[in-house]
Structures are given as structure tokens and as C-alpha cells.
PDB file of all heavy atoms in Angstrom:
ATOM      1  N   LEU A   1     -40.272  48.199  10.150  1.00  0.00           N
ATOM      2  CA  LEU A   1     -41.333  49.093   9.694  1.00  0.00           C
ATOM      3  C   LEU A   1     -42.180  49.578  10.872  1.00  0.00           C
ATOM      4  O   LEU A   1     -42.507  50.761  10.971  1.00  0.00           O
ATOM      5  CB  LEU A   1     -42.218  48.371   8.678  1.00  0.00           C
ATOM      6  CG  LEU A   1     -41.811  48.445   7.216  1.00  0.00           C
ATOM      7  CD1 LEU A   1     -42.671  47.507   6.378  1.00  0.00           C
ATOM      8  CD2 LEU A   1     -41.940  49.867   6.685  1.00  0.00           C
ATOM      9  N   GLU A   2     -42.534  48.665  11.735  1.00  0.00           N
ATOM     10  CA  GLU A   2     -43.357  49.022  12.890  1.00  0.00           C
ATOM     11  C   GLU A   2     -42.652  50.064  13.752  1.00  0.00           C
ATOM     12  O   GLU A   2     -43.270  51.026  14.226  1.00  0.00           O
ATOM     13  CB  GLU A   2     -43.670  47.778  13.715  1.00  0.00           C
ATOM     14  CG  GLU A   2     -44.587  48.043  14.896  1.00  0.00           C
ATOM     15  CD  GLU A   2     -44.894  46.784  15.676  1.00  0.00           C
ATOM     16  OE1 GLU A   2     -45.371  45.815  15.070  1.00  0.00           O
ATOM     17  OE2 GLU A   2     -44.654  46.778  16.905  1.00  0.00           O
ATOM     18  N   ASP A   3     -41.340  49.889  13.957  1.00  0.00           N
ATOM     19  CA  ASP A   3     -40.570  50.826  14.770  1.00  0.00           C
ATOM     20  C   ASP A   3     -40.487  52.204  14.120  1.00  0.00           C
ATOM     21  O   ASP A   3     -40.419  53.227  14.819  1.00  0.00           O
ATOM     22  CB  ASP A   3     -39.153  50.296  15.001  1.00  0.00           C
ATOM     23  CG  ASP A   3     -39.131  49.040  15.868  1.00  0.00           C
ATOM     24  OD1 ASP A   3     -40.130  48.814  16.592  1.00  0.00           O
ATOM     25  OD2 ASP A   3     -38.141  48.296  15.807  1.00  0.00           O
ATOM     26  N   ALA A   4     -40.501  52.243  12.775  1.00  0.00           N
ATOM     27  CA  ALA A   4     -40.345  53.508  12.059  1.00  0.00           C
ATOM     28  C   ALA A   4     -41.656  54.279  11.919  1.00  0.00           C
ATOM     29  O   ALA A   4     -41.650  55.506  11.773  1.00  0.00           O
ATOM     30  CB  ALA A   4     -39.754  53.250  10.674  1.00  0.00           C
ATOM     31  N   LEU A   5     -42.770  53.570  11.956  1.00  0.00           N
ATOM     32  CA  LEU A   5     -44.069  54.230  11.817  1.00  0.00           C
ATOM     33  C   LEU A   5     -44.470  54.911  13.117  1.00  0.00           C
ATOM     34  O   LEU A   5     -44.030  54.530  14.200  1.00  0.00           O
ATOM     35  CB  LEU A   5     -45.138  53.210  11.409  1.00  0.00           C
ATOM     36  CG  LEU A   5     -45.013  52.642   9.993  1.00  0.00           C
ATOM     37  CD1 LEU A   5     -45.915  51.430   9.826  1.00  0.00           C
ATOM     38  CD2 LEU A   5     -45.349  53.707   8.944  1.00  0.00           C
ATOM     39  N   GLU A   6     -45.334  55.906  12.989  1.00  0.00           N
ATOM     40  CA  GLU A   6     -45.762  56.665  14.155  1.00  0.00           C
ATOM     41  C   GLU A   6     -47.277  56.834  14.180  1.00  0.00           C
ATOM     42  O   GLU A   6     -47.945  56.730  13.145  1.00  0.00           O
ATOM     43  CB  GLU A   6     -45.098  58.058  14.166  1.00  0.00           C
ATOM     44  CG  GLU A   6     -43.582  58.032  14.246  1.00  0.00           C
ATOM     45  CD  GLU A   6     -42.984  59.424  14.201  1.00  0.00           C
ATOM     46  OE1 GLU A   6     -43.739  60.394  13.914  1.00  0.00           O
ATOM     47  OE2 GLU A   6     -41.783  59.557  14.464  1.00  0.00           O
ATOM     48  N   GLY A   7     -47.803  57.108  15.372  1.00  0.00           N
ATOM     49  CA  GLY A   7     -49.203  57.459  15.526  1.00  0.00           C
ATOM     50  C   GLY A   7     -50.170  56.435  14.966  1.00  0.00           C
ATOM     51  O   GLY A   7     -50.012  55.226  15.146  1.00  0.00           O
ATOM     52  N   ARG A   8     -51.173  56.948  14.246  1.00  0.00           N
ATOM     53  CA  ARG A   8     -52.215  56.077  13.709  1.00  0.00           C
ATOM     54  C   ARG A   8     -51.659  55.076  12.718  1.00  0.00           C
ATOM     55  O   ARG A   8     -52.128  53.930  12.657  1.00  0.00           O
ATOM     56  CB  ARG A   8     -53.313  56.923  13.050  1.00  0.00           C
ATOM     57  CG  ARG A   8     -54.480  56.093  12.552  1.00  0.00           C
ATOM     58  CD  ARG A   8     -55.609  56.943  12.032  1.00  0.00           C
ATOM     59  NE  ARG A   8     -55.293  57.583  10.765  1.00  0.00           N
ATOM     60  CZ  ARG A   8     -56.205  58.184   9.986  1.00  0.00           C
ATOM     61  NH1 ARG A   8     -57.467  58.227  10.368  1.00  0.00           N
ATOM     62  NH2 ARG A   8     -55.859  58.761   8.859  1.00  0.00           N
ATOM     63  N   ASP A   9     -50.653  55.474  11.926  1.00  0.00           N
ATOM     64  CA  ASP A   9     -50.083  54.553  10.939  1.00  0.00           C
ATOM     65  C   ASP A   9     -49.486  53.323  11.611  1.00  0.00           C
ATOM     66  O   ASP A   9     -49.593  52.210  11.093  1.00  0.00           O
ATOM     67  CB  ASP A   9     -49.011  55.266  10.105  1.00  0.00           C
ATOM     68  CG  ASP A   9     -49.606  56.280   9.147  1.00  0.00           C
ATOM     69  OD1 ASP A   9     -50.783  56.125   8.783  1.00  0.00           O
ATOM     70  OD2 ASP A   9     -48.895  57.221   8.766  1.00  0.00           O
ATOM     71  N   LYS A  10     -48.863  53.516  12.772  1.00  0.00           N
ATOM     72  CA  LYS A  10     -48.303  52.374  13.491  1.00  0.00           C
ATOM     73  C   LYS A  10     -49.407  51.443  13.979  1.00  0.00           C
ATOM     74  O   LYS A  10     -49.272  50.211  13.889  1.00  0.00           O
ATOM     75  CB  LYS A  10     -47.461  52.845  14.689  1.00  0.00           C
ATOM     76  CG  LYS A  10     -46.937  51.702  15.546  1.00  0.00           C
ATOM     77  CD  LYS A  10     -46.000  52.180  16.634  1.00  0.00           C
ATOM     78  CE  LYS A  10     -44.631  52.484  16.053  1.00  0.00           C
ATOM     79  NZ  LYS A  10     -43.594  52.605  17.110  1.00  0.00           N
ATOM     80  N   VAL A  11     -50.503  52.003  14.457  1.00  0.00           N
ATOM     81  CA  VAL A  11     -51.623  51.181  14.934  1.00  0.00           C
ATOM     82  C   VAL A  11     -52.226  50.385  13.776  1.00  0.00           C
ATOM     83  O   VAL A  11     -52.516  49.193  13.911  1.00  0.00           O
ATOM     84  CB  VAL A  11     -52.700  52.063  15.604  1.00  0.00           C
ATOM     85  CG1 VAL A  11     -53.885  51.199  16.045  1.00  0.00           C
ATOM     86  CG2 VAL A  11     -52.116  52.800  16.806  1.00  0.00           C
ATOM     87  N   ILE A  12     -52.415  51.047  12.627  1.00  0.00           N
ATOM     88  CA  ILE A  12     -52.947  50.354  11.447  1.00  0.00           C
ATOM     89  C   ILE A  12     -52.043  49.194  11.063  1.00  0.00           C
ATOM     90  O   ILE A  12     -52.508  48.076  10.803  1.00  0.00           O
ATOM     91  CB  ILE A  12     -53.085  51.330  10.266  1.00  0.00           C
ATOM     92  CG1 ILE A  12     -54.181  52.363  10.537  1.00  0.00           C
ATOM     93  CG2 ILE A  12     -53.395  50.574   8.969  1.00  0.00           C
ATOM     94  CD1 ILE A  12     -54.255  53.475   9.515  1.00  0.00           C
ATOM     95  N   PHE A  13     -50.752  49.450  11.022  1.00  0.00           N
ATOM     96  CA  PHE A  13     -49.789  48.421  10.621  1.00  0.00           C
ATOM     97  C   PHE A  13     -49.822  47.239  11.592  1.00  0.00           C
ATOM     98  O   PHE A  13     -49.761  46.081  11.179  1.00  0.00           O
ATOM     99  CB  PHE A  13     -48.389  49.018  10.550  1.00  0.00           C
ATOM    100  CG  PHE A  13     -47.358  48.076   9.998  1.00  0.00           C
ATOM    101  CD1 PHE A  13     -47.264  47.852   8.634  1.00  0.00           C
ATOM    102  CD2 PHE A  13     -46.484  47.412  10.841  1.00  0.00           C
ATOM    103  CE1 PHE A  13     -46.318  46.978   8.118  1.00  0.00           C
ATOM    104  CE2 PHE A  13     -45.540  46.535  10.339  1.00  0.00           C
ATOM    105  CZ  PHE A  13     -45.451  46.315   8.969  1.00  0.00           C
ATOM    106  N   LYS A  14     -49.935  47.529  12.882  1.00  0.00           N
ATOM    107  CA  LYS A  14     -49.974  46.462  13.882  1.00  0.00           C
ATOM    108  C   LYS A  14     -51.252  45.625  13.756  1.00  0.00           C
ATOM    109  O   LYS A  14     -51.220  44.405  13.937  1.00  0.00           O
ATOM    110  CB  LYS A  14     -49.840  47.057  15.285  1.00  0.00           C
ATOM    111  CG  LYS A  14     -48.440  47.579  15.583  1.00  0.00           C
ATOM    112  CD  LYS A  14     -48.374  48.379  16.864  1.00  0.00           C
ATOM    113  CE  LYS A  14     -48.482  47.516  18.088  1.00  0.00           C
ATOM    114  NZ  LYS A  14     -48.248  48.305  19.335  1.00  0.00           N
ATOM    115  N   VAL A  15     -52.376  46.265  13.443  1.00  0.00           N
ATOM    116  CA  VAL A  15     -53.621  45.516  13.241  1.00  0.00           C
ATOM    117  C   VAL A  15     -53.460  44.551  12.067  1.00  0.00           C
ATOM    118  O   VAL A  15     -53.855  43.383  12.137  1.00  0.00           O
ATOM    119  CB  VAL A  15     -54.799  46.478  12.989  1.00  0.00           C
ATOM    120  CG1 VAL A  15     -56.028  45.700  12.507  1.00  0.00           C
ATOM    121  CG2 VAL A  15     -55.150  47.243  14.257  1.00  0.00           C
ATOM    122  N   LEU A  16     -52.855  45.045  10.969  1.00  0.00           N
ATOM    123  CA  LEU A  16     -52.680  44.214   9.783  1.00  0.00           C
ATOM    124  C   LEU A  16     -51.670  43.089  10.008  1.00  0.00           C
ATOM    125  O   LEU A  16     -51.899  41.948   9.621  1.00  0.00           O
ATOM    126  CB  LEU A  16     -52.227  45.076   8.602  1.00  0.00           C
ATOM    127  CG  LEU A  16     -53.269  46.033   8.012  1.00  0.00           C
ATOM    128  CD1 LEU A  16     -52.593  47.040   7.095  1.00  0.00           C
ATOM    129  CD2 LEU A  16     -54.342  45.263   7.269  1.00  0.00           C
ATOM    130  N   SER A  17     -50.549  43.410  10.624  1.00  0.00           N
ATOM    131  CA  SER A  17     -49.462  42.427  10.724  1.00  0.00           C
ATOM    132  C   SER A  17     -49.632  41.450  11.881  1.00  0.00           C
ATOM    133  O   SER A  17     -49.142  40.325  11.814  1.00  0.00           O
ATOM    134  CB  SER A  17     -48.120  43.150  10.859  1.00  0.00           C
ATOM    135  OG  SER A  17     -48.069  43.910  12.058  1.00  0.00           O
ATOM    136  N   ARG A  18     -50.308  41.859  12.940  1.00  0.00           N
ATOM    137  CA  ARG A  18     -50.433  40.990  14.109  1.00  0.00           C
ATOM    138  C   ARG A  18     -51.763  40.245  14.185  1.00  0.00           C
ATOM    139  O   ARG A  18     -51.836  39.169  14.766  1.00  0.00           O
ATOM    140  CB  ARG A  18     -50.244  41.817  15.388  1.00  0.00           C
ATOM    141  CG  ARG A  18     -48.865  42.453  15.486  1.00  0.00           C
ATOM    142  CD  ARG A  18     -48.624  43.057  16.831  1.00  0.00           C
ATOM    143  NE  ARG A  18     -47.322  43.700  16.887  1.00  0.00           N
ATOM    144  CZ  ARG A  18     -46.761  44.165  18.005  1.00  0.00           C
ATOM    145  NH1 ARG A  18     -47.403  44.029  19.143  1.00  0.00           N
ATOM    146  NH2 ARG A  18     -45.581  44.744  17.970  1.00  0.00           N
ATOM    147  N   CYS A  19     -52.805  40.838  13.626  1.00  0.00           N
ATOM    148  CA  CYS A  19     -54.123  40.212  13.725  1.00  0.00           C
ATOM    149  C   CYS A  19     -54.581  39.562  12.431  1.00  0.00           C
ATOM    150  O   CYS A  19     -55.466  38.722  12.442  1.00  0.00           O
ATOM    151  CB  CYS A  19     -55.160  41.243  14.174  1.00  0.00           C
ATOM    152  SG  CYS A  19     -54.785  41.980  15.777  1.00  0.00           S
ATOM    153  N   GLY A  20     -54.035  39.984  11.301  1.00  0.00           N
ATOM    154  CA  GLY A  20     -54.292  39.319  10.038  1.00  0.00           C
ATOM    155  C   GLY A  20     -55.661  39.462   9.418  1.00  0.00           C
ATOM    156  O   GLY A  20     -56.091  38.568   8.692  1.00  0.00           O
ATOM    157  N   PRO A  21     -56.397  40.572   9.643  1.00  0.00           N
ATOM    158  CA  PRO A  21     -57.653  40.714   8.909  1.00  0.00           C
ATOM    159  C   PRO A  21     -57.373  41.027   7.448  1.00  0.00           C
ATOM    160  O   PRO A  21     -56.262  41.448   7.099  1.00  0.00           O
ATOM    161  CB  PRO A  21     -58.320  41.919   9.590  1.00  0.00           C
ATOM    162  CG  PRO A  21     -57.163  42.750  10.051  1.00  0.00           C
ATOM    163  CD  PRO A  21     -56.109  41.755  10.473  1.00  0.00           C
ATOM    164  N   ARG A  22     -58.343  40.800   6.585  1.00  0.00           N
ATOM    165  CA  ARG A  22     -58.205  41.262   5.217  1.00  0.00           C
ATOM    166  C   ARG A  22     -58.141  42.786   5.246  1.00  0.00           C
ATOM    167  O   ARG A  22     -58.697  43.426   6.137  1.00  0.00           O
ATOM    168  CB  ARG A  22     -59.377  40.802   4.360  1.00  0.00           C
ATOM    169  CG  ARG A  22     -59.455  39.282   4.200  1.00  0.00           C
ATOM    170  CD  ARG A  22     -60.645  38.900   3.317  1.00  0.00           C
ATOM    171  NE  ARG A  22     -60.692  37.457   3.087  1.00  0.00           N
ATOM    172  CZ  ARG A  22     -61.337  36.590   3.860  1.00  0.00           C
ATOM    173  NH1 ARG A  22     -62.002  37.038   4.922  1.00  0.00           N
ATOM    174  NH2 ARG A  22     -61.335  35.313   3.584  1.00  0.00           N
ATOM    175  N   ALA A  23     -57.480  43.359   4.250  1.00  0.00           N
ATOM    176  CA  ALA A  23     -57.297  44.810   4.226  1.00  0.00           C
ATOM    177  C   ALA A  23     -58.633  45.542   4.286  1.00  0.00           C
ATOM    178  O   ALA A  23     -58.798  46.509   5.035  1.00  0.00           O
ATOM    179  CB  ALA A  23     -56.532  45.213   2.969  1.00  0.00           C
ATOM    180  N   GLY A  24     -59.603  45.064   3.499  1.00  0.00           N
ATOM    181  CA  GLY A  24     -60.911  45.716   3.481  1.00  0.00           C
ATOM    182  C   GLY A  24     -61.623  45.636   4.820  1.00  0.00           C
ATOM    183  O   GLY A  24     -62.405  46.523   5.177  1.00  0.00           O
ATOM    184  N   GLU A  25     -61.344  44.573   5.584  1.00  0.00           N
ATOM    185  CA  GLU A  25     -61.941  44.422   6.908  1.00  0.00           C
ATOM    186  C   GLU A  25     -61.302  45.370   7.907  1.00  0.00           C
ATOM    187  O   GLU A  25     -61.991  45.994   8.716  1.00  0.00           O
ATOM    188  CB  GLU A  25     -61.792  42.978   7.384  1.00  0.00           C
ATOM    189  CG  GLU A  25     -62.498  41.950   6.523  1.00  0.00           C
ATOM    190  CD  GLU A  25     -62.091  40.515   6.833  1.00  0.00           C
ATOM    191  OE1 GLU A  25     -61.111  40.324   7.587  1.00  0.00           O
ATOM    192  OE2 GLU A  25     -62.756  39.599   6.317  1.00  0.00           O
ATOM    193  N   ALA A  26     -59.974  45.485   7.848  1.00  0.00           N
ATOM    194  CA  ALA A  26     -59.239  46.293   8.812  1.00  0.00           C
ATOM    195  C   ALA A  26     -59.635  47.761   8.759  1.00  0.00           C
ATOM    196  O   ALA A  26     -59.709  48.434   9.786  1.00  0.00           O
ATOM    197  CB  ALA A  26     -57.733  46.145   8.568  1.00  0.00           C
TER     198      ALA A  26
END
């Protein structure tokens, strides 16, 4: 998924999957 996403969506996904904040926090 990370490889397929681009731009801001990839950054959002990496914040969620690698750092683990709650969605509302991210």
C-alpha cells in the first residue's frame, strides 16, 4: 500500500502505520 500511494496520501499512511497515533490525533 505504501509503495502504491503517492504524495500527501503516502505521508499520511506512513504517519499512521509507522508512528501509531490514533486516527483523530494524526
